[in-house]
Amino acid sequence: MRLSEGQRLVRMQYVSKEVSEALVSQITKGFGIDVNIIFGDIDIVADTPIGGIVAIFDGEPVRIDAALNYLRQRNITAEVLKEG
């Protein structure tokens, strides 16, 4: 997958209530970045939603870093898989 300069391919993994929140919308609006979801998967295990998405984050590096830190503070694993 080719990324443009400034884009990052990010895997987000989360458990429980975080799944039901509008996290992508929150970081898009709150940090002024674009998030393009490439893949998503959510399963229910013992009545607990577990899931993750792979998305392209696009924007100023400082804003993407702030969005990633916000997600991590919310106990969401946010791993940068590739940078453009």
N, C-alpha and C. Protein backbone atom coordinates (compact mmCIF):
# COMPACT_ATOMS: atom_id res chain seq x y z
N MET A 1 0.84 -1.17 0.00
CA MET A 1 0.00 0.00 0.00
C MET A 1 0.89 1.24 0.00
N ARG A 2 0.62 2.14 -0.92
CA ARG A 2 1.39 3.37 -0.99
C ARG A 2 0.67 4.47 -0.22
N LEU A 3 1.44 5.17 0.57
CA LEU A 3 0.91 6.30 1.32
C LEU A 3 1.52 7.58 0.79
N SER A 4 0.76 8.63 0.80
CA SER A 4 1.28 9.94 0.44
C SER A 4 2.06 10.49 1.62
N GLU A 5 2.89 11.49 1.33
CA GLU A 5 3.66 12.12 2.40
C GLU A 5 2.71 12.68 3.46
N GLY A 6 3.04 12.41 4.71
CA GLY A 6 2.22 12.88 5.82
C GLY A 6 1.15 11.90 6.26
N GLN A 7 0.93 10.83 5.50
CA GLN A 7 -0.06 9.84 5.89
C GLN A 7 0.59 8.75 6.73
N ARG A 8 -0.23 8.15 7.60
CA ARG A 8 0.23 7.00 8.39
C ARG A 8 -0.85 5.93 8.38
N LEU A 9 -0.41 4.70 8.23
CA LEU A 9 -1.30 3.55 8.34
C LEU A 9 -1.30 3.13 9.80
N VAL A 10 -2.46 3.14 10.43
CA VAL A 10 -2.57 2.91 11.87
C VAL A 10 -3.53 1.77 12.16
N ARG A 11 -3.11 0.88 13.07
CA ARG A 11 -4.02 -0.17 13.57
C ARG A 11 -4.45 0.24 14.97
N MET A 12 -5.76 0.32 15.17
CA MET A 12 -6.34 0.63 16.49
C MET A 12 -7.04 -0.61 17.00
N GLN A 13 -6.74 -0.99 18.24
CA GLN A 13 -7.42 -2.13 18.86
C GLN A 13 -8.00 -1.68 20.18
N TYR A 14 -9.21 -2.14 20.44
CA TYR A 14 -9.91 -1.68 21.64
C TYR A 14 -10.83 -2.77 22.17
N VAL A 15 -11.23 -2.59 23.42
CA VAL A 15 -12.09 -3.55 24.11
C VAL A 15 -13.20 -2.77 24.81
N SER A 16 -14.38 -3.36 24.86
CA SER A 16 -15.49 -2.90 25.68
C SER A 16 -16.11 -1.60 25.20
N LYS A 17 -16.39 -0.68 26.11
CA LYS A 17 -17.19 0.50 25.82
C LYS A 17 -16.60 1.40 24.74
N GLU A 18 -15.27 1.34 24.55
CA GLU A 18 -14.65 2.20 23.55
C GLU A 18 -15.19 1.89 22.15
N VAL A 19 -15.66 0.67 21.93
CA VAL A 19 -16.17 0.27 20.63
C VAL A 19 -17.42 1.07 20.27
N SER A 20 -18.25 1.38 21.26
CA SER A 20 -19.52 2.04 20.98
C SER A 20 -19.39 3.56 20.86
N GLU A 21 -18.23 4.11 21.14
CA GLU A 21 -18.04 5.55 21.03
C GLU A 21 -17.60 5.93 19.62
N ALA A 22 -17.89 7.14 19.24
CA ALA A 22 -17.55 7.63 17.90
C ALA A 22 -16.11 8.14 17.87
N LEU A 23 -15.16 7.23 18.09
CA LEU A 23 -13.76 7.63 18.21
C LEU A 23 -13.20 8.24 16.93
N VAL A 24 -13.52 7.66 15.79
CA VAL A 24 -13.01 8.18 14.52
C VAL A 24 -13.55 9.60 14.32
N SER A 25 -14.82 9.79 14.57
CA SER A 25 -15.41 11.12 14.45
C SER A 25 -14.76 12.10 15.42
N GLN A 26 -14.52 11.66 16.65
CA GLN A 26 -13.91 12.52 17.66
C GLN A 26 -12.52 12.97 17.25
N ILE A 27 -11.69 12.06 16.75
CA ILE A 27 -10.32 12.46 16.40
C ILE A 27 -10.29 13.26 15.10
N THR A 28 -11.22 12.96 14.19
CA THR A 28 -11.28 13.73 12.95
C THR A 28 -11.62 15.19 13.24
N LYS A 29 -12.65 15.40 14.04
CA LYS A 29 -13.09 16.75 14.38
C LYS A 29 -12.14 17.42 15.37
N GLY A 30 -11.75 16.69 16.39
CA GLY A 30 -10.97 17.27 17.47
C GLY A 30 -9.53 17.61 17.11
N PHE A 31 -8.95 16.87 16.16
CA PHE A 31 -7.54 17.07 15.83
C PHE A 31 -7.32 17.56 14.40
N GLY A 32 -8.40 17.73 13.66
CA GLY A 32 -8.29 18.27 12.31
C GLY A 32 -7.53 17.39 11.34
N ILE A 33 -7.75 16.08 11.44
CA ILE A 33 -7.11 15.14 10.52
C ILE A 33 -8.20 14.35 9.79
N ASP A 34 -7.82 13.73 8.69
CA ASP A 34 -8.73 12.83 7.98
C ASP A 34 -8.38 11.40 8.35
N VAL A 35 -9.39 10.57 8.55
CA VAL A 35 -9.20 9.17 8.88
C VAL A 35 -10.01 8.35 7.88
N ASN A 36 -9.30 7.53 7.09
CA ASN A 36 -9.93 6.68 6.09
C ASN A 36 -9.82 5.23 6.56
N ILE A 37 -10.94 4.64 6.95
CA ILE A 37 -10.94 3.27 7.46
C ILE A 37 -10.77 2.30 6.29
N ILE A 38 -9.75 1.45 6.40
CA ILE A 38 -9.44 0.45 5.38
C ILE A 38 -10.06 -0.90 5.73
N PHE A 39 -10.07 -1.23 7.02
CA PHE A 39 -10.56 -2.53 7.49
C PHE A 39 -11.07 -2.37 8.91
N GLY A 40 -12.13 -3.08 9.24
CA GLY A 40 -12.65 -3.07 10.60
C GLY A 40 -13.22 -4.42 10.96
N ASP A 41 -13.13 -4.77 12.24
CA ASP A 41 -13.63 -6.06 12.73
C ASP A 41 -13.99 -5.94 14.20
N ILE A 42 -15.21 -6.33 14.55
CA ILE A 42 -15.65 -6.33 15.94
C ILE A 42 -16.32 -7.67 16.22
N ASP A 43 -15.95 -8.29 17.33
CA ASP A 43 -16.56 -9.53 17.78
C ASP A 43 -17.07 -9.33 19.19
N ILE A 44 -18.04 -10.17 19.58
CA ILE A 44 -18.55 -10.16 20.94
C ILE A 44 -18.04 -11.41 21.63
N VAL A 45 -17.27 -11.23 22.69
CA VAL A 45 -16.71 -12.34 23.46
C VAL A 45 -17.15 -12.15 24.91
N ALA A 46 -17.90 -13.12 25.42
CA ALA A 46 -18.41 -13.05 26.80
C ALA A 46 -19.11 -11.71 27.04
N ASP A 47 -20.00 -11.35 26.12
CA ASP A 47 -20.79 -10.11 26.21
C ASP A 47 -19.95 -8.83 26.17
N THR A 48 -18.71 -8.92 25.73
CA THR A 48 -17.84 -7.75 25.65
C THR A 48 -17.40 -7.55 24.20
N PRO A 49 -17.70 -6.37 23.63
CA PRO A 49 -17.22 -6.11 22.27
C PRO A 49 -15.71 -5.93 22.25
N ILE A 50 -15.07 -6.63 21.32
CA ILE A 50 -13.63 -6.53 21.13
C ILE A 50 -13.41 -6.29 19.64
N GLY A 51 -12.55 -5.32 19.31
CA GLY A 51 -12.38 -5.07 17.90
C GLY A 51 -11.22 -4.18 17.57
N GLY A 52 -11.16 -3.88 16.31
CA GLY A 52 -10.11 -3.01 15.84
C GLY A 52 -10.36 -2.55 14.42
N ILE A 53 -9.61 -1.54 14.04
CA ILE A 53 -9.68 -1.05 12.67
C ILE A 53 -8.26 -0.74 12.19
N VAL A 54 -8.12 -0.75 10.89
CA VAL A 54 -6.90 -0.27 10.25
C VAL A 54 -7.34 0.92 9.40
N ALA A 55 -6.64 2.05 9.57
CA ALA A 55 -7.05 3.27 8.89
C ALA A 55 -5.84 4.08 8.47
N ILE A 56 -6.06 4.92 7.49
CA ILE A 56 -5.03 5.87 7.08
C ILE A 56 -5.34 7.20 7.76
N PHE A 57 -4.38 7.69 8.53
CA PHE A 57 -4.48 9.00 9.16
C PHE A 57 -3.75 9.97 8.25
N ASP A 58 -4.41 11.08 7.93
CA ASP A 58 -3.83 12.05 7.00
C ASP A 58 -3.95 13.44 7.61
N GLY A 59 -2.82 14.13 7.69
CA GLY A 59 -2.83 15.48 8.24
C GLY A 59 -1.45 15.90 8.67
N GLU A 60 -1.38 17.02 9.36
CA GLU A 60 -0.10 17.50 9.87
C GLU A 60 0.43 16.52 10.91
N PRO A 61 1.73 16.21 10.85
CA PRO A 61 2.30 15.23 11.78
C PRO A 61 2.01 15.53 13.24
N VAL A 62 2.08 16.79 13.64
CA VAL A 62 1.84 17.14 15.04
C VAL A 62 0.39 16.83 15.43
N ARG A 63 -0.54 17.00 14.50
CA ARG A 63 -1.96 16.70 14.79
C ARG A 63 -2.20 15.18 14.86
N ILE A 64 -1.54 14.44 13.96
CA ILE A 64 -1.66 12.98 14.00
C ILE A 64 -1.07 12.45 15.31
N ASP A 65 0.08 12.97 15.71
CA ASP A 65 0.69 12.56 16.98
C ASP A 65 -0.25 12.83 18.15
N ALA A 66 -0.89 13.99 18.14
CA ALA A 66 -1.82 14.34 19.22
C ALA A 66 -3.01 13.39 19.23
N ALA A 67 -3.53 13.03 18.05
CA ALA A 67 -4.65 12.09 17.97
C ALA A 67 -4.24 10.71 18.48
N LEU A 68 -3.05 10.25 18.11
CA LEU A 68 -2.56 8.95 18.59
C LEU A 68 -2.39 8.96 20.11
N ASN A 69 -1.86 10.04 20.65
CA ASN A 69 -1.72 10.14 22.11
C ASN A 69 -3.08 10.13 22.80
N TYR A 70 -4.06 10.82 22.22
CA TYR A 70 -5.41 10.83 22.77
C TYR A 70 -5.98 9.41 22.82
N LEU A 71 -5.82 8.67 21.73
CA LEU A 71 -6.33 7.30 21.69
C LEU A 71 -5.65 6.44 22.75
N ARG A 72 -4.34 6.58 22.88
CA ARG A 72 -3.60 5.79 23.87
C ARG A 72 -4.02 6.13 25.29
N GLN A 73 -4.33 7.39 25.54
CA GLN A 73 -4.81 7.79 26.86
C GLN A 73 -6.17 7.18 27.17
N ARG A 74 -6.90 6.82 26.12
CA ARG A 74 -8.21 6.18 26.26
C ARG A 74 -8.08 4.65 26.32
N ASN A 75 -6.86 4.16 26.50
CA ASN A 75 -6.56 2.72 26.57
C ASN A 75 -6.87 1.99 25.27
N ILE A 76 -6.62 2.67 24.16
CA ILE A 76 -6.77 2.08 22.85
C ILE A 76 -5.37 1.90 22.27
N THR A 77 -5.07 0.70 21.85
CA THR A 77 -3.79 0.47 21.22
C THR A 77 -3.80 1.13 19.85
N ALA A 78 -2.84 2.01 19.61
CA ALA A 78 -2.74 2.71 18.33
C ALA A 78 -1.31 2.51 17.82
N GLU A 79 -1.19 1.60 16.87
CA GLU A 79 0.13 1.23 16.35
C GLU A 79 0.29 1.73 14.92
N VAL A 80 1.34 2.50 14.68
CA VAL A 80 1.64 2.97 13.34
C VAL A 80 2.33 1.84 12.58
N LEU A 81 1.67 1.35 11.53
CA LEU A 81 2.20 0.24 10.75
C LEU A 81 3.12 0.71 9.63
N LYS A 82 2.83 1.90 9.10
CA LYS A 82 3.60 2.42 7.97
C LYS A 82 3.44 3.93 7.90
N GLU A 83 4.48 4.60 7.46
CA GLU A 83 4.42 6.05 7.28
C GLU A 83 4.73 6.40 5.84
N GLY A 84 4.05 7.44 5.34
CA GLY A 84 4.27 7.90 3.97
C GLY A 84 5.27 9.03 3.92
